[in-house]
Amino acid sequence: MREGEFKKFYKRENNLNSLKEAEKKIDLFWSALVETLKQNKKVVFRNYGRFEIKEVKSRKIKIPNIKEIYYTKPKKVMVFKCGNRLRERINKEGGSNE
């Protein structure tokens, strides 16, 4: 499902008047999540999963054609770990609709 399809789905499921309203609510959720992650490094939705910020160390990369070794920069990434209730719900409903 692409972003536009998700917005239409969200609008339909929540009986919203416009796609702009759906987009606003989705953006509000992500903004709140990102701000909380910046402060606390972890957000847990009990039995549904957790979002957290993890630091990825620098790593060595060798490009065969050039035969030089490069190092990536250390960075922070957002990681989601699925919880039991969400996993059960996905498996019960059959997963993918493709």
N, C-alpha and C. Protein backbone atom coordinates (compact mmCIF):
# COMPACT_ATOMS: atom_id res chain seq x y z
N MET A 1 0.86 -1.18 0.00
CA MET A 1 0.00 0.00 0.00
C MET A 1 0.89 1.23 0.00
N ARG A 2 0.59 2.14 -0.84
CA ARG A 2 1.35 3.38 -0.94
C ARG A 2 0.73 4.44 -0.02
N GLU A 3 1.46 5.54 0.12
CA GLU A 3 1.04 6.60 1.04
C GLU A 3 -0.35 7.15 0.69
N GLY A 4 -0.59 7.42 -0.58
CA GLY A 4 -1.88 7.96 -1.00
C GLY A 4 -3.02 7.00 -0.71
N GLU A 5 -2.79 5.72 -0.96
CA GLU A 5 -3.80 4.70 -0.68
C GLU A 5 -4.08 4.61 0.81
N PHE A 6 -3.01 4.72 1.62
CA PHE A 6 -3.19 4.68 3.06
C PHE A 6 -4.01 5.87 3.55
N LYS A 7 -3.75 7.04 2.99
CA LYS A 7 -4.51 8.24 3.40
C LYS A 7 -5.99 8.06 3.08
N LYS A 8 -6.29 7.52 1.90
CA LYS A 8 -7.68 7.28 1.53
C LYS A 8 -8.32 6.25 2.46
N PHE A 9 -7.59 5.20 2.79
CA PHE A 9 -8.07 4.17 3.71
C PHE A 9 -8.34 4.78 5.09
N TYR A 10 -7.40 5.59 5.59
CA TYR A 10 -7.55 6.23 6.89
C TYR A 10 -8.76 7.16 6.91
N LYS A 11 -8.94 7.91 5.83
CA LYS A 11 -10.09 8.82 5.71
C LYS A 11 -11.39 8.04 5.77
N ARG A 12 -11.46 6.95 5.01
CA ARG A 12 -12.68 6.14 4.94
C ARG A 12 -12.97 5.47 6.29
N GLU A 13 -11.94 4.90 6.93
CA GLU A 13 -12.14 4.18 8.20
C GLU A 13 -12.53 5.10 9.35
N ASN A 14 -12.09 6.36 9.31
CA ASN A 14 -12.38 7.29 10.41
C ASN A 14 -13.45 8.31 10.06
N ASN A 15 -14.15 8.10 8.95
CA ASN A 15 -15.24 8.98 8.52
C ASN A 15 -14.84 10.45 8.52
N LEU A 16 -13.68 10.74 7.91
CA LEU A 16 -13.21 12.11 7.83
C LEU A 16 -13.75 12.76 6.56
N ASN A 17 -13.78 14.10 6.57
CA ASN A 17 -14.36 14.83 5.44
C ASN A 17 -13.43 14.98 4.25
N SER A 18 -12.12 15.04 4.49
CA SER A 18 -11.20 15.28 3.38
C SER A 18 -9.88 14.55 3.59
N LEU A 19 -9.14 14.42 2.49
CA LEU A 19 -7.82 13.82 2.57
C LEU A 19 -6.85 14.71 3.34
N LYS A 20 -7.06 16.03 3.25
CA LYS A 20 -6.21 16.96 4.00
C LYS A 20 -6.32 16.70 5.50
N GLU A 21 -7.54 16.45 5.96
CA GLU A 21 -7.77 16.17 7.38
C GLU A 21 -7.08 14.87 7.77
N ALA A 22 -7.17 13.85 6.93
CA ALA A 22 -6.51 12.57 7.20
C ALA A 22 -5.00 12.76 7.24
N GLU A 23 -4.48 13.51 6.26
CA GLU A 23 -3.04 13.75 6.21
C GLU A 23 -2.56 14.50 7.44
N LYS A 24 -3.37 15.47 7.90
CA LYS A 24 -3.02 16.25 9.08
C LYS A 24 -2.91 15.36 10.32
N LYS A 25 -3.86 14.44 10.48
CA LYS A 25 -3.87 13.55 11.64
C LYS A 25 -2.71 12.56 11.60
N ILE A 26 -2.40 12.06 10.41
CA ILE A 26 -1.27 11.13 10.27
C ILE A 26 0.03 11.86 10.57
N ASP A 27 0.19 13.08 10.03
CA ASP A 27 1.39 13.88 10.29
C ASP A 27 1.52 14.23 11.76
N LEU A 28 0.41 14.50 12.42
CA LEU A 28 0.42 14.81 13.85
C LEU A 28 0.95 13.63 14.65
N PHE A 29 0.51 12.40 14.29
CA PHE A 29 1.00 11.21 14.98
C PHE A 29 2.51 11.07 14.80
N TRP A 30 3.00 11.19 13.56
CA TRP A 30 4.43 11.02 13.31
C TRP A 30 5.25 12.12 13.98
N SER A 31 4.74 13.35 13.99
CA SER A 31 5.45 14.45 14.64
C SER A 31 5.58 14.19 16.13
N ALA A 32 4.49 13.76 16.75
CA ALA A 32 4.51 13.46 18.18
C ALA A 32 5.46 12.31 18.48
N LEU A 33 5.45 11.29 17.64
CA LEU A 33 6.32 10.14 17.83
C LEU A 33 7.79 10.55 17.72
N VAL A 34 8.12 11.32 16.70
CA VAL A 34 9.52 11.75 16.51
C VAL A 34 9.99 12.63 17.66
N GLU A 35 9.16 13.56 18.09
CA GLU A 35 9.54 14.44 19.21
C GLU A 35 9.76 13.63 20.49
N THR A 36 8.90 12.66 20.73
CA THR A 36 9.04 11.82 21.93
C THR A 36 10.30 10.97 21.84
N LEU A 37 10.58 10.44 20.65
CA LEU A 37 11.80 9.64 20.46
C LEU A 37 13.05 10.47 20.67
N LYS A 38 13.01 11.73 20.26
CA LYS A 38 14.17 12.61 20.47
C LYS A 38 14.45 12.78 21.95
N GLN A 39 13.40 12.84 22.76
CA GLN A 39 13.56 13.07 24.19
C GLN A 39 13.85 11.77 24.96
N ASN A 40 13.13 10.70 24.64
CA ASN A 40 13.18 9.49 25.47
C ASN A 40 13.88 8.30 24.84
N LYS A 41 14.17 8.33 23.54
CA LYS A 41 14.82 7.25 22.80
C LYS A 41 13.96 5.99 22.64
N LYS A 42 12.80 5.91 23.29
CA LYS A 42 11.95 4.73 23.16
C LYS A 42 10.49 5.09 23.42
N VAL A 43 9.58 4.55 22.57
CA VAL A 43 8.15 4.71 22.77
C VAL A 43 7.54 3.31 22.67
N VAL A 44 6.82 2.91 23.72
CA VAL A 44 6.26 1.57 23.77
C VAL A 44 4.74 1.65 23.74
N PHE A 45 4.14 0.95 22.77
CA PHE A 45 2.69 0.77 22.72
C PHE A 45 2.46 -0.64 23.22
N ARG A 46 1.98 -0.75 24.42
CA ARG A 46 1.88 -2.03 25.09
C ARG A 46 1.18 -3.08 24.23
N ASN A 47 1.81 -4.21 24.07
CA ASN A 47 1.36 -5.37 23.28
C ASN A 47 1.29 -5.11 21.78
N TYR A 48 1.53 -3.89 21.33
CA TYR A 48 1.51 -3.60 19.89
C TYR A 48 2.91 -3.45 19.32
N GLY A 49 3.83 -2.94 20.09
CA GLY A 49 5.19 -2.82 19.60
C GLY A 49 5.89 -1.62 20.20
N ARG A 50 7.15 -1.46 19.79
CA ARG A 50 7.92 -0.33 20.31
C ARG A 50 8.78 0.28 19.22
N PHE A 51 8.86 1.59 19.26
CA PHE A 51 9.74 2.35 18.40
C PHE A 51 10.91 2.78 19.27
N GLU A 52 12.11 2.68 18.74
CA GLU A 52 13.25 3.19 19.50
C GLU A 52 14.33 3.68 18.55
N ILE A 53 15.19 4.53 19.09
CA ILE A 53 16.32 5.07 18.35
C ILE A 53 17.54 4.25 18.73
N LYS A 54 18.21 3.71 17.71
CA LYS A 54 19.44 2.96 17.94
C LYS A 54 20.56 3.64 17.18
N GLU A 55 21.74 3.57 17.75
CA GLU A 55 22.90 4.12 17.09
C GLU A 55 23.59 3.03 16.30
N VAL A 56 23.87 3.32 15.04
CA VAL A 56 24.57 2.38 14.17
C VAL A 56 26.01 2.86 14.07
N LYS A 57 26.94 1.97 14.38
CA LYS A 57 28.35 2.32 14.35
C LYS A 57 28.84 2.45 12.92
N SER A 58 29.97 3.08 12.79
CA SER A 58 30.62 3.19 11.50
C SER A 58 31.03 1.79 11.04
N ARG A 59 30.96 1.54 9.73
CA ARG A 59 31.39 0.24 9.23
C ARG A 59 32.23 0.40 7.98
N LYS A 60 33.00 -0.62 7.71
CA LYS A 60 33.94 -0.60 6.59
C LYS A 60 33.25 -1.09 5.32
N ILE A 61 33.45 -0.35 4.21
CA ILE A 61 32.88 -0.74 2.92
C ILE A 61 34.01 -0.78 1.91
N LYS A 62 34.07 -1.88 1.17
CA LYS A 62 35.08 -2.00 0.12
C LYS A 62 34.36 -2.12 -1.21
N ILE A 63 34.71 -1.24 -2.15
CA ILE A 63 34.11 -1.25 -3.48
C ILE A 63 35.07 -2.01 -4.41
N PRO A 64 34.63 -3.15 -4.97
CA PRO A 64 35.53 -4.00 -5.76
C PRO A 64 36.19 -3.31 -6.95
N ASN A 65 35.47 -2.49 -7.68
CA ASN A 65 36.03 -1.83 -8.86
C ASN A 65 37.15 -0.85 -8.52
N ILE A 66 36.97 -0.13 -7.45
CA ILE A 66 37.91 0.92 -7.07
C ILE A 66 39.02 0.37 -6.17
N LYS A 67 38.71 -0.67 -5.42
CA LYS A 67 39.65 -1.31 -4.50
C LYS A 67 40.12 -0.36 -3.40
N GLU A 68 39.21 0.50 -2.99
CA GLU A 68 39.48 1.38 -1.86
C GLU A 68 38.53 1.03 -0.74
N ILE A 69 38.94 1.35 0.46
CA ILE A 69 38.10 1.08 1.63
C ILE A 69 37.54 2.40 2.13
N TYR A 70 36.23 2.42 2.31
CA TYR A 70 35.54 3.59 2.84
C TYR A 70 34.89 3.22 4.17
N TYR A 71 34.64 4.22 4.98
CA TYR A 71 33.94 4.02 6.24
C TYR A 71 32.66 4.85 6.24
N THR A 72 31.56 4.23 6.62
CA THR A 72 30.31 4.98 6.73
C THR A 72 30.36 5.83 8.00
N LYS A 73 29.52 6.82 8.04
CA LYS A 73 29.44 7.65 9.24
C LYS A 73 28.52 6.98 10.25
N PRO A 74 28.80 7.10 11.53
CA PRO A 74 27.85 6.58 12.52
C PRO A 74 26.56 7.40 12.44
N LYS A 75 25.43 6.74 12.66
CA LYS A 75 24.16 7.44 12.56
C LYS A 75 23.14 6.82 13.50
N LYS A 76 22.03 7.53 13.65
CA LYS A 76 20.92 7.04 14.47
C LYS A 76 19.80 6.61 13.53
N VAL A 77 19.17 5.47 13.84
CA VAL A 77 18.06 4.98 13.04
C VAL A 77 16.88 4.65 13.95
N MET A 78 15.67 4.78 13.40
CA MET A 78 14.47 4.41 14.14
C MET A 78 14.16 2.95 13.83
N VAL A 79 13.92 2.17 14.87
CA VAL A 79 13.65 0.75 14.74
C VAL A 79 12.29 0.47 15.35
N PHE A 80 11.49 -0.40 14.69
CA PHE A 80 10.21 -0.82 15.23
C PHE A 80 10.26 -2.31 15.49
N LYS A 81 9.87 -2.71 16.68
CA LYS A 81 9.77 -4.13 17.01
C LYS A 81 8.31 -4.43 17.29
N CYS A 82 7.77 -5.38 16.54
CA CYS A 82 6.36 -5.74 16.63
C CYS A 82 6.06 -6.44 17.95
N GLY A 83 4.91 -6.11 18.57
CA GLY A 83 4.48 -6.74 19.79
C GLY A 83 3.57 -7.93 19.53
N ASN A 84 3.26 -8.68 20.60
CA ASN A 84 2.47 -9.91 20.47
C ASN A 84 1.07 -9.67 19.92
N ARG A 85 0.36 -8.69 20.44
CA ARG A 85 -1.03 -8.46 20.02
C ARG A 85 -1.10 -8.08 18.54
N LEU A 86 -0.19 -7.23 18.09
CA LEU A 86 -0.17 -6.84 16.69
C LEU A 86 0.18 -8.04 15.81
N ARG A 87 1.14 -8.83 16.22
CA ARG A 87 1.53 -10.02 15.46
C ARG A 87 0.37 -10.99 15.34
N GLU A 88 -0.34 -11.23 16.44
CA GLU A 88 -1.50 -12.13 16.42
C GLU A 88 -2.60 -11.59 15.51
N ARG A 89 -2.82 -10.30 15.58
CA ARG A 89 -3.87 -9.68 14.78
C ARG A 89 -3.56 -9.79 13.28
N ILE A 90 -2.31 -9.57 12.93
CA ILE A 90 -1.90 -9.69 11.53
C ILE A 90 -2.04 -11.12 11.05
N ASN A 91 -1.61 -12.08 11.86
CA ASN A 91 -1.68 -13.49 11.46
C ASN A 91 -3.12 -14.00 11.39
N LYS A 92 -3.99 -13.52 12.28
CA LYS A 92 -5.38 -13.94 12.29
C LYS A 92 -6.12 -13.42 11.06
N GLU A 93 -5.80 -12.20 10.64
CA GLU A 93 -6.51 -11.59 9.52
C GLU A 93 -5.91 -11.97 8.17
N GLY A 94 -4.89 -12.81 8.18
CA GLY A 94 -4.35 -13.31 6.92
C GLY A 94 -3.22 -12.51 6.33
N GLY A 95 -2.81 -11.43 6.98
CA GLY A 95 -1.64 -10.70 6.50
C GLY A 95 -1.92 -9.87 5.27
N SER A 96 -1.17 -10.12 4.21
CA SER A 96 -1.20 -9.31 3.00
C SER A 96 -2.48 -9.51 2.19
N ASN A 97 -2.96 -8.43 1.59
CA ASN A 97 -4.16 -8.48 0.76
C ASN A 97 -3.84 -8.47 -0.72
N GLU A 98 -2.58 -8.66 -1.11
CA GLU A 98 -2.18 -8.57 -2.52
C GLU A 98 -2.58 -9.77 -3.29
